[in-house]
Amino acid sequence: MEGRFGYRLVGGTGAAAGEPLNRRVVADIMQTLPLLGRFTGRKISTMLQVTWDHIHLRSPDPEATANWLHDILGGEIVRNPGRIDVKLGGASVFIAKVEPGDGVNAPPVTPHQGLDHFGLTVKDIDAVAAELKAKGVTFTTEPTTIRPGVRICFIRGPEGISIELLERDKRYA
C-alpha cells in the first residue's frame, strides 16, 4: 500500500528498507491505517505509546537505599531539594522517606500479588553474580537458565525489594 508521500508500507517497517521513520512517514502511516482497516474489515487503532519514567520506592532510610543502589548496582545518586533519586539502567528511581505512623505498610513477603520485582539486564551474569556475592548481596535465586538464551537470578534489595538480573543471548532474541 502506498501512502500520499510515496513511501511504500512493506513488512511493517513503515518506510523503505533501512530508512528511519520520521514525523512525515509516521503521519503518512497514521492516515493509511483507516484504509487498511477497510481492506481487512478490522478496526485498526493506534497504540498508546509510553516510555519508562521512574520507579518509586519507599524507605525508612532513603540515603541507605540510594547508597545500596549505587554501591551494588552502579546507579548514579541525584540529590534534589527534599529528596534523593538514583538513575539506574535508564530509569529514575525515586526514594520517598517512610516515617513511623505515616500509614505505610511493611514490605510484603515475596512472592505476592501485584508488583513482584523489577528486572535489569546485565552482561555476563555469572561474573556479575560473583561480584555481587563478594559484596555480600543476598541471592534468592542463583543464576540459572530458564530457557535457551535466557539466564536469570534474583537478589534481595533494600526493604525486601526483589530484583531480577537477566542476560539474554541475542541469538535467541
C-alpha atoms as a PDB file:
ATOM      1  CA  MET A   1       0.000   0.000   0.000  1.00  0.00           C
ATOM      2  CA  GLU A   2       1.471   3.370  -0.948  1.00  0.00           C
ATOM      3  CA  GLY A   3       0.885   6.464   1.132  1.00  0.00           C
ATOM      4  CA  ARG A   4       0.471  10.002  -0.111  1.00  0.00           C
ATOM      5  CA  PHE A   5       4.179  10.778   0.342  1.00  0.00           C
ATOM      6  CA  GLY A   6       5.260   7.892  -1.890  1.00  0.00           C
ATOM      7  CA  TYR A   7       6.507   5.612   0.887  1.00  0.00           C
ATOM      8  CA  ARG A   8       5.554   2.004   0.499  1.00  0.00           C
ATOM      9  CA  LEU A   9       4.474   0.239   3.699  1.00  0.00           C
ATOM     10  CA  VAL A  10       6.426  -3.002   3.487  1.00  0.00           C
ATOM     11  CA  GLY A  11       6.944  -5.677   6.111  1.00  0.00           C
ATOM     12  CA  GLY A  12       5.809  -3.458   8.950  1.00  0.00           C
ATOM     13  CA  THR A  13       8.799  -1.152   8.672  1.00  0.00           C
ATOM     14  CA  GLY A  14       6.751   1.843   7.582  1.00  0.00           C
ATOM     15  CA  ALA A  15       9.386   3.168   5.200  1.00  0.00           C
ATOM     16  CA  ALA A  16      11.773   1.941   2.568  1.00  0.00           C
ATOM     17  CA  ALA A  17      14.175  -0.674   3.879  1.00  0.00           C
ATOM     18  CA  GLY A  18      16.748   0.879   6.155  1.00  0.00           C
ATOM     19  CA  GLU A  19      15.149   4.325   6.084  1.00  0.00           C
ATOM     20  CA  PRO A  20      14.354   5.684   9.560  1.00  0.00           C
ATOM     21  CA  LEU A  21      10.824   6.698  10.407  1.00  0.00           C
ATOM     22  CA  ASN A  22      10.304  10.414  10.724  1.00  0.00           C
ATOM     23  CA  ARG A  23       7.275  12.566  11.507  1.00  0.00           C
ATOM     24  CA  ARG A  24       6.228  12.756   7.882  1.00  0.00           C
ATOM     25  CA  VAL A  25       6.357   8.979   7.486  1.00  0.00           C
ATOM     26  CA  VAL A  26       4.520   8.419  10.777  1.00  0.00           C
ATOM     27  CA  ALA A  27       1.822  10.893   9.716  1.00  0.00           C
ATOM     28  CA  ASP A  28       1.502   9.021   6.426  1.00  0.00           C
ATOM     29  CA  ILE A  29       1.152   5.697   8.233  1.00  0.00           C
ATOM     30  CA  MET A  30      -1.493   7.155  10.549  1.00  0.00           C
ATOM     31  CA  GLN A  31      -3.516   8.327   7.536  1.00  0.00           C
ATOM     32  CA  THR A  32      -3.137   4.931   5.852  1.00  0.00           C
ATOM     33  CA  LEU A  33      -4.375   2.861   8.833  1.00  0.00           C
ATOM     34  CA  PRO A  34      -8.099   3.558   8.282  1.00  0.00           C
ATOM     35  CA  LEU A  35      -7.733   2.401   4.649  1.00  0.00           C
ATOM     36  CA  LEU A  36      -6.065  -0.800   5.818  1.00  0.00           C
ATOM     37  CA  GLY A  37      -8.976  -1.328   8.188  1.00  0.00           C
ATOM     38  CA  ARG A  38     -11.431  -1.078   5.291  1.00  0.00           C
ATOM     39  CA  PHE A  39      -9.474  -3.670   3.303  1.00  0.00           C
ATOM     40  CA  THR A  40      -9.271  -6.151   6.193  1.00  0.00           C
ATOM     41  CA  GLY A  41     -12.672  -5.482   7.753  1.00  0.00           C
ATOM     42  CA  ARG A  42     -10.970  -4.828  11.090  1.00  0.00           C
ATOM     43  CA  LYS A  43     -10.742  -1.651  13.077  1.00  0.00           C
ATOM     44  CA  ILE A  44      -7.124  -0.508  13.178  1.00  0.00           C
ATOM     45  CA  SER A  45      -6.279   1.599  16.199  1.00  0.00           C
ATOM     46  CA  THR A  46      -3.124   3.420  17.093  1.00  0.00           C
ATOM     47  CA  MET A  47      -1.387   2.134  20.194  1.00  0.00           C
ATOM     48  CA  LEU A  48      -0.769   4.364  23.147  1.00  0.00           C
ATOM     49  CA  GLN A  49       2.971   4.978  23.243  1.00  0.00           C
ATOM     50  CA  VAL A  50       4.669   5.006  26.630  1.00  0.00           C
ATOM     51  CA  THR A  51       8.219   5.084  27.915  1.00  0.00           C
ATOM     52  CA  TRP A  52       9.559   4.389  31.395  1.00  0.00           C
ATOM     53  CA  ASP A  53       9.874   7.448  33.580  1.00  0.00           C
ATOM     54  CA  HIS A  54      10.538   6.202  37.111  1.00  0.00           C
ATOM     55  CA  ILE A  55      10.208   3.563  39.788  1.00  0.00           C
ATOM     56  CA  HIS A  56       9.075   4.869  43.179  1.00  0.00           C
ATOM     57  CA  LEU A  57      10.394   3.211  46.329  1.00  0.00           C
ATOM     58  CA  ARG A  58       9.555   3.934  49.957  1.00  0.00           C
ATOM     59  CA  SER A  59      12.230   3.522  52.606  1.00  0.00           C
ATOM     60  CA  PRO A  60      12.767   4.440  56.253  1.00  0.00           C
ATOM     61  CA  ASP A  61      16.335   5.306  55.203  1.00  0.00           C
ATOM     62  CA  PRO A  62      16.399   6.776  51.662  1.00  0.00           C
ATOM     63  CA  GLU A  63      20.099   7.553  51.957  1.00  0.00           C
ATOM     64  CA  ALA A  64      20.950   3.905  52.700  1.00  0.00           C
ATOM     65  CA  THR A  65      18.673   2.719  49.874  1.00  0.00           C
ATOM     66  CA  ALA A  66      20.299   5.141  47.414  1.00  0.00           C
ATOM     67  CA  ASN A  67      23.771   4.091  48.555  1.00  0.00           C
ATOM     68  CA  TRP A  68      22.874   0.407  48.080  1.00  0.00           C
ATOM     69  CA  LEU A  69      21.614   1.069  44.540  1.00  0.00           C
ATOM     70  CA  HIS A  70      24.834   2.993  43.857  1.00  0.00           C
ATOM     71  CA  ASP A  71      27.305   0.627  45.534  1.00  0.00           C
ATOM     72  CA  ILE A  72      25.735  -2.640  44.404  1.00  0.00           C
ATOM     73  CA  LEU A  73      24.136  -1.865  41.027  1.00  0.00           C
ATOM     74  CA  GLY A  74      26.165   1.158  39.908  1.00  0.00           C
ATOM     75  CA  GLY A  75      23.315   3.679  39.976  1.00  0.00           C
ATOM     76  CA  GLU A  76      24.028   7.411  39.931  1.00  0.00           C
ATOM     77  CA  ILE A  77      22.761   9.261  43.017  1.00  0.00           C
ATOM     78  CA  VAL A  78      20.972  12.523  42.221  1.00  0.00           C
ATOM     79  CA  ARG A  79      20.249  14.839  45.133  1.00  0.00           C
ATOM     80  CA  ASN A  80      17.415  17.307  44.818  1.00  0.00           C
ATOM     81  CA  PRO A  81      15.941  19.603  47.459  1.00  0.00           C
ATOM     82  CA  GLY A  82      13.983  17.417  49.869  1.00  0.00           C
ATOM     83  CA  ARG A  83      14.566  14.140  48.018  1.00  0.00           C
ATOM     84  CA  ILE A  84      17.090  11.681  46.715  1.00  0.00           C
ATOM     85  CA  ASP A  85      16.844   9.827  43.404  1.00  0.00           C
ATOM     86  CA  VAL A  86      19.000   7.286  41.620  1.00  0.00           C
ATOM     87  CA  LYS A  87      19.494   6.975  37.859  1.00  0.00           C
ATOM     88  CA  LEU A  88      19.611   3.243  37.175  1.00  0.00           C
ATOM     89  CA  GLY A  89      19.522   1.441  33.844  1.00  0.00           C
ATOM     90  CA  GLY A  90      17.977   4.362  32.003  1.00  0.00           C
ATOM     91  CA  ALA A  91      15.196   4.997  34.533  1.00  0.00           C
ATOM     92  CA  SER A  92      14.900   7.175  37.593  1.00  0.00           C
ATOM     93  CA  VAL A  93      14.350   5.579  40.974  1.00  0.00           C
ATOM     94  CA  PHE A  94      12.576   7.980  43.342  1.00  0.00           C
ATOM     95  CA  ILE A  95      13.053   7.174  47.012  1.00  0.00           C
ATOM     96  CA  ALA A  96      10.499   8.559  49.464  1.00  0.00           C
ATOM     97  CA  LYS A  97      11.121   8.567  53.200  1.00  0.00           C
ATOM     98  CA  VAL A  98       8.815   6.460  55.342  1.00  0.00           C
ATOM     99  CA  GLU A  99       8.161   7.932  58.793  1.00  0.00           C
ATOM    100  CA  PRO A 100       6.664   5.993  61.714  1.00  0.00           C
ATOM    101  CA  GLY A 101       2.887   6.438  61.853  1.00  0.00           C
ATOM    102  CA  ASP A 102       2.512   7.687  58.285  1.00  0.00           C
ATOM    103  CA  GLY A 103       0.276   4.755  57.301  1.00  0.00           C
ATOM    104  CA  VAL A 104       2.763   2.970  55.038  1.00  0.00           C
ATOM    105  CA  ASN A 105       2.596  -0.820  55.420  1.00  0.00           C
ATOM    106  CA  ALA A 106       5.614  -3.055  55.931  1.00  0.00           C
ATOM    107  CA  PRO A 107       7.052  -4.661  52.797  1.00  0.00           C
ATOM    108  CA  PRO A 108       5.176  -7.820  51.756  1.00  0.00           C
ATOM    109  CA  VAL A 109       6.763 -11.243  51.839  1.00  0.00           C
ATOM    110  CA  THR A 110       7.543 -12.457  48.320  1.00  0.00           C
ATOM    111  CA  PRO A 111       6.090 -13.884  46.252  1.00  0.00           C
ATOM    112  CA  HIS A 112       2.909 -11.843  46.463  1.00  0.00           C
ATOM    113  CA  GLN A 113       0.244 -10.439  44.184  1.00  0.00           C
ATOM    114  CA  GLY A 114       0.809  -7.144  42.440  1.00  0.00           C
ATOM    115  CA  LEU A 115       4.227  -5.801  41.537  1.00  0.00           C
ATOM    116  CA  ASP A 116       6.605  -8.652  42.273  1.00  0.00           C
ATOM    117  CA  HIS A 117      10.011  -7.416  41.135  1.00  0.00           C
ATOM    118  CA  PHE A 118      11.845  -5.314  38.605  1.00  0.00           C
ATOM    119  CA  GLY A 119      14.372  -6.726  36.165  1.00  0.00           C
ATOM    120  CA  LEU A 120      17.672  -5.353  34.941  1.00  0.00           C
ATOM    121  CA  THR A 121      19.671  -6.730  32.032  1.00  0.00           C
ATOM    122  CA  VAL A 122      23.346  -7.454  32.546  1.00  0.00           C
ATOM    123  CA  LYS A 123      26.207  -8.855  30.500  1.00  0.00           C
ATOM    124  CA  ASP A 124      27.943 -11.998  31.800  1.00  0.00           C
ATOM    125  CA  ILE A 125      25.514 -12.821  34.591  1.00  0.00           C
ATOM    126  CA  ASP A 126      27.905 -15.298  36.227  1.00  0.00           C
ATOM    127  CA  ALA A 127      30.627 -12.661  36.602  1.00  0.00           C
ATOM    128  CA  VAL A 128      28.046 -10.156  37.869  1.00  0.00           C
ATOM    129  CA  ALA A 129      26.749 -12.705  40.397  1.00  0.00           C
ATOM    130  CA  ALA A 130      30.283 -13.384  41.652  1.00  0.00           C
ATOM    131  CA  GLU A 131      30.890  -9.650  42.080  1.00  0.00           C
ATOM    132  CA  LEU A 132      27.624  -9.171  43.967  1.00  0.00           C
ATOM    133  CA  LYS A 133      28.293 -12.175  46.227  1.00  0.00           C
ATOM    134  CA  ALA A 134      31.673 -10.643  47.077  1.00  0.00           C
ATOM    135  CA  LYS A 135      29.757  -7.526  48.158  1.00  0.00           C
ATOM    136  CA  GLY A 136      27.536  -9.621  50.439  1.00  0.00           C
ATOM    137  CA  VAL A 137      24.347  -9.409  48.368  1.00  0.00           C
ATOM    138  CA  THR A 138      21.663 -11.977  49.221  1.00  0.00           C
ATOM    139  CA  PHE A 139      20.551 -14.177  46.324  1.00  0.00           C
ATOM    140  CA  THR A 140      17.022 -15.550  46.436  1.00  0.00           C
ATOM    141  CA  THR A 141      17.593 -17.445  43.160  1.00  0.00           C
ATOM    142  CA  GLU A 142      21.061 -18.355  41.953  1.00  0.00           C
ATOM    143  CA  PRO A 143      21.924 -17.804  38.268  1.00  0.00           C
ATOM    144  CA  THR A 144      20.017 -20.330  36.190  1.00  0.00           C
ATOM    145  CA  THR A 145      18.979 -20.867  32.591  1.00  0.00           C
ATOM    146  CA  ILE A 146      15.192 -20.590  32.327  1.00  0.00           C
ATOM    147  CA  ARG A 147      15.077 -21.245  28.562  1.00  0.00           C
ATOM    148  CA  PRO A 148      17.623 -21.263  25.761  1.00  0.00           C
ATOM    149  CA  GLY A 149      19.371 -17.909  25.627  1.00  0.00           C
ATOM    150  CA  VAL A 150      17.981 -16.506  28.893  1.00  0.00           C
ATOM    151  CA  ARG A 151      19.788 -16.718  32.237  1.00  0.00           C
ATOM    152  CA  ILE A 152      18.399 -15.067  35.354  1.00  0.00           C
ATOM    153  CA  CYS A 153      18.990 -14.671  39.054  1.00  0.00           C
ATOM    154  CA  PHE A 154      17.164 -12.790  41.806  1.00  0.00           C
ATOM    155  CA  ILE A 155      18.703 -10.675  44.546  1.00  0.00           C
ATOM    156  CA  ARG A 156      17.191  -9.089  47.626  1.00  0.00           C
ATOM    157  CA  GLY A 157      17.468  -5.301  47.706  1.00  0.00           C
ATOM    158  CA  PRO A 158      16.787  -2.812  50.475  1.00  0.00           C
ATOM    159  CA  GLU A 159      13.417  -3.132  52.244  1.00  0.00           C
ATOM    160  CA  GLY A 160      12.969  -6.614  50.784  1.00  0.00           C
ATOM    161  CA  ILE A 161      12.781  -5.439  47.154  1.00  0.00           C
ATOM    162  CA  SER A 162      13.119  -8.338  44.736  1.00  0.00           C
ATOM    163  CA  ILE A 163      15.406  -7.530  41.799  1.00  0.00           C
ATOM    164  CA  GLU A 164      15.864  -9.810  38.806  1.00  0.00           C
ATOM    165  CA  LEU A 165      19.109  -9.719  36.857  1.00  0.00           C
ATOM    166  CA  LEU A 166      18.954 -11.297  33.417  1.00  0.00           C
ATOM    167  CA  GLU A 167      21.191 -11.931  30.471  1.00  0.00           C
ATOM    168  CA  ARG A 168      19.706 -12.509  27.028  1.00  0.00           C
ATOM    169  CA  ASP A 169      21.685 -14.160  24.268  1.00  0.00           C
ATOM    170  CA  LYS A 170      20.960 -12.129  21.112  1.00  0.00           C
ATOM    171  CA  ARG A 171      20.870 -15.321  19.049  1.00  0.00           C
ATOM    172  CA  TYR A 172      17.559 -16.186  20.773  1.00  0.00           C
ATOM    173  CA  ALA A 173      16.010 -12.709  20.854  1.00  0.00           C
END
